[in-house]
Amino acid sequence: MAVVVVVAAAVSYGGEAAKWQQEWEQTLSAAKKEGEITFYGSEGYDKIFEVFQKRYPEIKVKSNTSRRGSEHGQAVMTERRAGQFIVDLFINGVVTPNAIFYKANILEPIRPQLVLPEVVDESKWWGGKHHYADPDGKYIFVFQGNVHGSENAYNTKLVNPQELKSYWDFLEPKWKGKIVAYDPSRVSTVAHSLRFLFNHPDLGADYVKRLFSEMDITYSRDERQMIDWLGAGKYALAFFVSDVEGAAKQGLPIRDFEPGQFKEGAFVGPSQGGVNLFKNAPHPNAAKVAINWLLSREGQDAYQRIYAARHDVRQSMREDISMDVIPPSQRRQKNVRYIYAGRPEWLDMGPVAKLIKEARQAVKN
């Protein structure tokens, strides 16, 4: 009986293997006949798809990465109103797809496009599942899993990081007047940090209001200036600042706080790492091949490495690829509390922007 069971299982497995391989071969053959893939995306994805082009030389890649996501959104809608179906994929953040494409009902579900076992296997992804950023959980696939706190740093000569165990510790009177922050009125620049503070169940509106009304913060729109001030000891702490590790390597006495040291942990989610497939895509099979390649180990490794070379840290949601290009302080860690940040209800920055404006205005009055 045991032999029969084993044989049956083997036949079943063989059948499943043959099924996906057959689908992949048919899709790839049709994609080569289409001979082209077109996508709109953020700057850098054109370089990533140069790797794809080498893997599949029969599929020519056409891309437009010269516009902002919102401008791409307007372009797509203009084209569609004119009855033109020019672009297959949108590869960028999740705000434009939610605000424009999802509402216009012009996206196809992603799950039916996934063929390669290494892509389909959700155990290979952070949290043991695929992540989406749309209300239905099937149209806006999220493959970027960057760690987001409030992107804060400290002067190593002025601050003992072990004294700060919670974000609430930043509100202690001893830090008043000693914090520099990137100007939060530039909401798009600091959106992830503000979403973290505003939407975290243990922080929220009360924390944001107190931070911006009580701590006598100095604001800047120049991160280089912020890092220089922090390094010189003009300020002990900096909020919403990046590339601290690069400056530290140059000898400045500054370091990033690691999210794991705060009991609130951090968010994990997209910045510009989502993929969407349009309805009536002109090259549906080539688009299917492109999606599978992008989400494969090879595609996600290329994604991380190419952006790292541009000094833009982007960590894949895949858990089975090397993270050597991700700075240690920005890698997802075991035993750290993380909350998925790609929730569509958290994308609207209006409420937090209004709260911060009111808090800052109260200080002036």
Protein backbone atom coordinates (compact mmCIF):
# COMPACT_ATOMS: atom_id res chain seq x y z
CA MET A 1 0.00 0.00 0.00
CA ALA A 2 2.86 2.38 0.90
CA VAL A 3 4.42 1.80 -2.51
CA VAL A 4 1.14 2.65 -4.22
CA VAL A 5 0.84 5.88 -2.25
CA VAL A 6 4.42 6.92 -3.09
CA VAL A 7 3.93 6.16 -6.77
CA ALA A 8 0.66 8.06 -6.83
CA ALA A 9 2.29 11.03 -5.17
CA ALA A 10 5.13 10.95 -7.65
CA VAL A 11 2.71 10.86 -10.58
CA SER A 12 0.77 13.74 -9.06
CA TYR A 13 3.94 15.80 -8.55
CA GLY A 14 5.12 14.98 -12.03
CA GLY A 15 1.79 16.10 -13.39
CA GLU A 16 2.00 19.42 -11.56
CA ALA A 17 5.55 19.96 -12.81
CA ALA A 18 4.53 19.19 -16.36
CA LYS A 19 1.56 21.54 -16.04
CA TRP A 20 3.54 24.64 -15.08
CA GLN A 21 6.33 23.84 -17.52
CA GLN A 22 3.84 23.48 -20.34
CA GLU A 23 2.17 26.78 -19.43
CA TRP A 24 5.56 28.51 -19.22
CA GLU A 25 6.76 27.17 -22.55
CA GLN A 26 3.53 28.20 -24.26
CA THR A 27 3.67 31.66 -22.68
CA LEU A 28 7.32 32.13 -23.62
CA SER A 29 6.69 31.02 -27.19
CA ALA A 30 3.79 33.45 -27.54
CA ALA A 31 5.85 36.23 -25.91
CA LYS A 32 8.63 35.78 -28.44
CA LYS A 33 6.07 36.10 -31.23
CA GLU A 34 4.79 39.33 -29.68
CA GLY A 35 8.43 40.38 -29.56
CA GLU A 36 7.99 43.32 -27.24
CA ILE A 37 7.16 44.47 -23.71
CA THR A 38 6.28 48.05 -22.76
CA PHE A 39 6.25 49.47 -19.26
CA TYR A 40 6.11 52.77 -17.42
CA GLY A 41 8.08 52.97 -14.21
CA SER A 42 10.37 54.87 -11.90
CA GLU A 43 13.91 55.69 -12.94
CA GLY A 44 16.18 52.68 -12.63
CA TYR A 45 13.84 49.96 -13.82
CA ASP A 46 15.11 50.50 -17.35
CA LYS A 47 18.54 49.33 -16.12
CA ILE A 48 17.03 46.34 -14.38
CA PHE A 49 15.28 45.29 -17.56
CA GLU A 50 18.57 45.36 -19.43
CA VAL A 51 19.22 42.12 -17.51
CA PHE A 52 15.83 40.82 -18.66
CA GLN A 53 16.74 41.77 -22.25
CA LYS A 54 19.88 39.62 -22.05
CA ARG A 55 17.88 36.71 -20.66
CA TYR A 56 15.17 37.02 -23.35
CA PRO A 57 16.78 38.75 -26.37
CA GLU A 58 13.75 37.98 -28.54
CA ILE A 59 11.57 40.28 -26.40
CA LYS A 60 12.42 43.92 -26.99
CA VAL A 61 11.95 46.17 -23.98
CA LYS A 62 10.41 49.61 -24.34
CA SER A 63 10.11 51.77 -21.24
CA ASN A 64 9.38 55.28 -20.09
CA THR A 65 11.05 56.09 -16.78
CA SER A 66 11.37 59.84 -17.26
CA ARG A 67 8.15 60.85 -15.50
CA ARG A 68 6.75 60.80 -11.99
CA GLY A 69 4.22 58.12 -11.10
CA SER A 70 1.36 60.65 -11.13
CA GLU A 71 2.41 61.82 -14.61
CA HIS A 72 2.50 58.25 -15.84
CA GLY A 73 -0.96 57.80 -14.39
CA GLN A 74 -2.29 60.77 -16.32
CA ALA A 75 -0.59 59.54 -19.49
CA VAL A 76 -2.16 56.08 -19.23
CA MET A 77 -5.64 57.49 -18.69
CA THR A 78 -5.24 59.93 -21.60
CA GLU A 79 -4.14 57.09 -23.86
CA ARG A 80 -7.05 54.90 -22.82
CA ARG A 81 -9.63 57.62 -23.31
CA ALA A 82 -8.29 57.89 -26.85
CA GLY A 83 -8.71 54.15 -27.33
CA GLN A 84 -4.96 53.54 -27.27
CA PHE A 85 -3.51 50.57 -25.39
CA ILE A 86 0.19 51.29 -25.41
CA VAL A 87 1.60 50.06 -22.12
CA ASP A 88 1.59 46.59 -20.55
CA LEU A 89 2.94 47.17 -17.05
CA PHE A 90 3.34 49.88 -14.46
CA ILE A 91 6.33 49.29 -12.13
CA ASN A 92 6.60 51.92 -9.44
CA GLY A 93 4.98 52.85 -6.13
CA VAL A 94 1.47 52.00 -4.96
CA VAL A 95 -0.18 55.42 -4.65
CA THR A 96 -0.85 56.06 -8.35
CA PRO A 97 -2.15 52.52 -8.99
CA ASN A 98 -4.58 52.82 -6.07
CA ALA A 99 -5.68 56.38 -6.76
CA ILE A 100 -6.02 56.05 -10.53
CA PHE A 101 -5.72 52.58 -12.07
CA TYR A 102 -7.61 50.61 -9.42
CA LYS A 103 -10.44 53.13 -9.28
CA ALA A 104 -10.67 53.13 -13.07
CA ASN A 105 -10.91 49.31 -13.08
CA ILE A 106 -8.14 48.91 -15.66
CA LEU A 107 -5.94 46.37 -13.86
CA GLU A 108 -5.74 42.60 -14.22
CA PRO A 109 -5.19 40.31 -11.20
CA ILE A 110 -1.55 39.32 -10.76
CA ARG A 111 -1.94 35.84 -9.29
CA PRO A 112 -3.07 34.20 -12.56
CA GLN A 113 0.08 35.58 -14.20
CA LEU A 114 2.43 33.77 -11.83
CA VAL A 115 3.82 30.56 -13.31
CA LEU A 116 7.36 29.86 -12.09
CA PRO A 117 7.27 27.69 -8.93
CA GLU A 118 9.87 29.88 -7.20
CA VAL A 119 7.55 32.86 -7.69
CA VAL A 120 4.32 31.08 -6.84
CA ASP A 121 5.79 29.58 -3.65
CA GLU A 122 4.72 32.07 -0.99
CA SER A 123 7.08 30.55 1.59
CA LYS A 124 9.92 32.28 -0.27
CA TRP A 125 8.47 35.70 0.54
CA TRP A 126 8.53 37.79 3.73
CA GLY A 127 5.83 36.73 6.12
CA GLY A 128 5.24 33.54 4.15
CA LYS A 129 2.90 35.16 1.67
CA HIS A 130 2.56 37.51 -1.28
CA HIS A 131 1.74 41.10 -0.44
CA TYR A 132 -0.61 43.44 -2.25
CA ALA A 133 -1.47 47.10 -1.77
CA ASP A 134 -5.00 47.34 -3.19
CA PRO A 135 -8.28 46.87 -1.25
CA ASP A 136 -8.98 43.56 -3.02
CA GLY A 137 -5.50 42.20 -2.42
CA LYS A 138 -4.87 41.03 -5.96
CA TYR A 139 -3.97 43.82 -8.39
CA ILE A 140 -0.98 45.74 -6.97
CA PHE A 141 1.75 43.22 -6.17
CA VAL A 142 4.34 44.54 -3.71
CA PHE A 143 7.87 43.16 -4.07
CA GLN A 144 9.77 45.81 -2.11
CA GLY A 145 10.05 45.28 1.62
CA ASN A 146 12.13 48.16 2.96
CA VAL A 147 12.27 48.71 6.69
CA HIS A 148 10.77 52.06 7.68
CA GLY A 149 10.82 53.71 11.07
CA SER A 150 11.15 57.45 11.32
CA GLU A 151 14.56 57.18 9.60
CA ASN A 152 16.29 58.74 12.59
CA ALA A 153 19.96 59.11 13.46
CA TYR A 154 22.13 60.37 16.31
CA ASN A 155 25.50 61.94 17.11
CA THR A 156 27.55 59.23 18.79
CA LYS A 157 29.31 61.77 21.04
CA LEU A 158 26.07 63.25 22.34
CA VAL A 159 23.68 60.32 22.54
CA ASN A 160 23.82 56.91 24.15
CA PRO A 161 21.44 54.96 21.90
CA GLN A 162 20.72 52.44 24.64
CA GLU A 163 18.86 55.14 26.56
CA LEU A 164 16.19 55.21 23.87
CA LYS A 165 14.02 52.11 23.97
CA SER A 166 10.81 53.60 22.60
CA TYR A 167 9.84 56.39 20.21
CA TRP A 168 8.16 58.04 23.17
CA ASP A 169 11.64 58.55 24.66
CA PHE A 170 12.32 61.16 21.97
CA LEU A 171 9.71 63.35 23.67
CA GLU A 172 11.69 63.68 26.88
CA PRO A 173 12.49 67.33 27.76
CA LYS A 174 16.25 66.67 27.47
CA TRP A 175 15.88 66.44 23.68
CA LYS A 176 13.92 69.67 23.25
CA GLY A 177 15.71 71.97 20.82
CA LYS A 178 18.23 69.26 19.95
CA ILE A 179 16.40 67.69 17.00
CA VAL A 180 16.70 68.56 13.32
CA ALA A 181 14.14 67.07 10.91
CA TYR A 182 13.52 67.13 7.21
CA ASP A 183 10.70 69.58 6.54
CA PRO A 184 7.48 67.51 6.84
CA SER A 185 5.63 69.96 4.59
CA ARG A 186 7.46 68.13 1.80
CA VAL A 187 5.09 65.25 2.47
CA SER A 188 6.08 63.07 -0.46
CA THR A 189 9.71 63.04 0.67
CA VAL A 190 8.99 61.86 4.22
CA ALA A 191 5.77 59.96 3.56
CA HIS A 192 6.95 56.56 4.80
CA SER A 193 8.30 57.97 8.05
CA LEU A 194 5.11 59.93 8.70
CA ARG A 195 2.92 56.93 7.89
CA PHE A 196 4.89 54.93 10.42
CA LEU A 197 4.43 57.46 13.21
CA PHE A 198 0.82 58.35 12.41
CA ASN A 199 -0.56 54.86 11.77
CA HIS A 200 1.39 52.85 14.31
CA PRO A 201 -1.09 51.52 16.92
CA ASP A 202 1.26 52.47 19.78
CA LEU A 203 2.11 55.96 18.50
CA GLY A 204 -0.51 57.62 16.32
CA ALA A 205 -1.92 61.13 16.20
CA ASP A 206 -1.08 61.96 19.83
CA TYR A 207 2.59 61.15 19.31
CA VAL A 208 2.79 63.13 16.05
CA LYS A 209 1.07 66.15 17.60
CA ARG A 210 3.43 66.19 20.60
CA LEU A 211 6.57 65.65 18.51
CA PHE A 212 5.86 68.62 16.27
CA SER A 213 4.43 70.94 18.92
CA GLU A 214 6.60 70.28 21.99
CA MET A 215 10.14 69.49 20.85
CA ASP A 216 11.25 72.80 19.29
CA ILE A 217 12.42 71.05 16.13
CA THR A 218 14.60 72.76 13.52
CA TYR A 219 13.60 71.97 9.93
CA SER A 220 15.68 71.65 6.80
CA ARG A 221 15.11 70.75 3.16
CA ASP A 222 18.74 69.77 2.64
CA GLU A 223 19.75 66.31 3.90
CA ARG A 224 23.44 67.06 3.40
CA GLN A 225 23.04 70.05 5.69
CA MET A 226 21.23 67.93 8.25
CA ILE A 227 24.02 65.35 8.25
CA ASP A 228 26.67 68.08 8.59
CA TRP A 229 24.82 69.65 11.52
CA LEU A 230 24.39 66.27 13.18
CA GLY A 231 28.05 65.38 12.68
CA ALA A 232 29.21 68.75 14.04
CA GLY A 233 27.10 68.30 17.15
CA LYS A 234 24.83 71.25 16.45
CA TYR A 235 21.98 68.78 16.95
CA ALA A 236 21.98 65.48 18.81
CA LEU A 237 19.20 63.81 16.82
CA ALA A 238 17.92 63.86 13.24
CA PHE A 239 14.55 62.67 11.96
CA PHE A 240 13.66 61.69 8.38
CA VAL A 241 17.27 61.50 7.16
CA SER A 242 18.93 58.95 4.88
CA ASP A 243 22.45 57.97 3.73
CA VAL A 244 23.74 58.24 7.28
CA GLU A 245 25.84 55.11 6.82
CA GLY A 246 27.70 56.69 3.89
CA ALA A 247 28.54 59.75 5.97
CA ALA A 248 29.62 57.59 8.90
CA LYS A 249 32.08 55.76 6.64
CA GLN A 250 33.63 59.15 5.89
CA GLY A 251 34.36 59.60 9.57
CA LEU A 252 31.43 61.63 10.87
CA PRO A 253 30.35 60.61 14.42
CA ILE A 254 26.82 59.70 13.40
CA ARG A 255 24.83 56.47 13.23
CA ASP A 256 21.36 55.28 12.31
CA PHE A 257 19.14 54.01 15.07
CA GLU A 258 18.25 50.42 14.34
CA PRO A 259 14.48 49.83 14.35
CA GLY A 260 14.98 46.68 16.39
CA GLN A 261 16.03 48.67 19.43
CA PHE A 262 12.61 50.36 19.73
CA LYS A 263 9.75 48.39 21.20
CA GLU A 264 7.44 49.75 18.48
CA GLY A 265 9.60 48.05 15.84
CA ALA A 266 9.15 49.22 12.27
CA PHE A 267 7.04 49.08 9.15
CA VAL A 268 7.90 46.95 6.12
CA GLY A 269 6.54 48.04 2.80
CA PRO A 270 6.92 49.52 -0.65
CA SER A 271 8.37 52.77 -1.79
CA GLN A 272 8.57 52.28 -5.52
CA GLY A 273 8.39 48.50 -5.60
CA GLY A 274 5.03 47.42 -6.99
CA VAL A 275 4.00 45.86 -10.29
CA ASN A 276 0.65 46.15 -12.09
CA LEU A 277 -0.70 44.59 -15.29
CA PHE A 278 -3.13 46.59 -17.40
CA LYS A 279 -6.29 45.22 -18.95
CA ASN A 280 -6.07 44.96 -22.74
CA ALA A 281 -2.28 44.91 -22.51
CA PRO A 282 -0.85 44.96 -26.05
CA HIS A 283 1.68 42.22 -25.22
CA PRO A 284 -0.01 40.03 -22.58
CA ASN A 285 2.33 37.05 -22.91
CA ALA A 286 5.49 39.14 -22.87
CA ALA A 287 4.07 40.96 -19.84
CA LYS A 288 3.51 37.60 -18.12
CA VAL A 289 7.11 36.58 -18.79
CA ALA A 290 8.33 39.96 -17.51
CA ILE A 291 6.33 39.70 -14.28
CA ASN A 292 7.66 36.21 -13.55
CA TRP A 293 11.23 37.25 -14.29
CA LEU A 294 11.00 40.41 -12.18
CA LEU A 295 9.68 38.43 -9.20
CA SER A 296 12.16 35.57 -9.63
CA ARG A 297 15.37 35.25 -7.64
CA GLU A 298 17.35 36.55 -10.60
CA GLY A 299 15.05 39.52 -11.12
CA GLN A 300 14.89 40.50 -7.47
CA ASP A 301 18.65 40.14 -7.03
CA ALA A 302 19.18 42.42 -10.03
CA TYR A 303 16.63 44.83 -8.55
CA GLN A 304 18.50 45.08 -5.24
CA ARG A 305 21.98 45.30 -6.74
CA ILE A 306 21.25 47.82 -9.47
CA TYR A 307 19.52 50.20 -7.10
CA ALA A 308 22.28 49.74 -4.51
CA ALA A 309 24.78 50.85 -7.13
CA ARG A 310 22.64 54.00 -7.46
CA HIS A 311 22.86 54.52 -3.67
CA ASP A 312 19.16 53.72 -3.38
CA VAL A 313 18.50 50.93 -0.89
CA ARG A 314 15.64 48.66 -1.94
CA GLN A 315 15.18 45.38 -0.14
CA SER A 316 13.20 42.66 -1.85
CA MET A 317 10.30 40.91 -0.18
CA ARG A 318 11.97 37.66 -1.22
CA GLU A 319 13.68 35.90 1.67
CA ASP A 320 15.81 33.51 -0.40
CA ILE A 321 18.26 35.96 -1.99
CA SER A 322 21.42 37.57 -0.67
CA MET A 323 21.04 40.80 1.30
CA ASP A 324 24.72 41.71 1.15
CA VAL A 325 24.02 44.99 -0.67
CA ILE A 326 21.53 46.08 2.00
CA PRO A 327 23.16 48.01 4.88
CA PRO A 328 22.90 45.95 8.10
CA SER A 329 20.93 48.68 9.87
CA GLN A 330 18.29 48.58 7.12
CA ARG A 331 17.84 44.83 6.77
CA ARG A 332 14.82 43.02 8.13
CA GLN A 333 15.83 41.21 11.28
CA LYS A 334 14.41 38.22 13.09
CA ASN A 335 12.65 38.85 16.39
CA VAL A 336 11.83 42.45 15.47
CA ARG A 337 8.23 43.63 15.42
CA TYR A 338 7.26 44.59 11.88
CA ILE A 339 3.95 45.83 10.53
CA TYR A 340 3.09 45.67 6.83
CA ALA A 341 2.82 49.26 5.58
CA GLY A 342 1.31 48.73 2.16
CA ARG A 343 -2.27 49.06 3.37
CA PRO A 344 -4.36 51.19 1.00
CA GLU A 345 -6.12 52.94 3.88
CA TRP A 346 -2.75 54.32 5.01
CA LEU A 347 -1.83 55.93 1.68
CA ASP A 348 -3.76 59.17 2.15
CA MET A 349 -1.29 61.64 3.64
CA GLY A 350 -3.93 64.36 4.07
CA PRO A 351 -4.82 63.69 7.74
CA VAL A 352 -1.22 63.56 8.99
CA ALA A 353 -0.20 66.61 6.94
CA LYS A 354 -3.13 68.56 8.42
CA LEU A 355 -2.23 67.46 11.96
CA ILE A 356 1.43 68.49 11.57
CA LYS A 357 0.49 71.85 10.08
CA GLU A 358 -1.83 72.55 13.02
CA ALA A 359 0.81 71.43 15.55
CA ARG A 360 3.47 73.68 14.03
CA GLN A 361 1.07 76.59 13.78
CA ALA A 362 0.19 76.21 17.47
CA VAL A 363 3.88 76.67 18.33
CA LYS A 364 4.07 79.91 16.34
CA ASN A 365 0.99 81.24 18.12
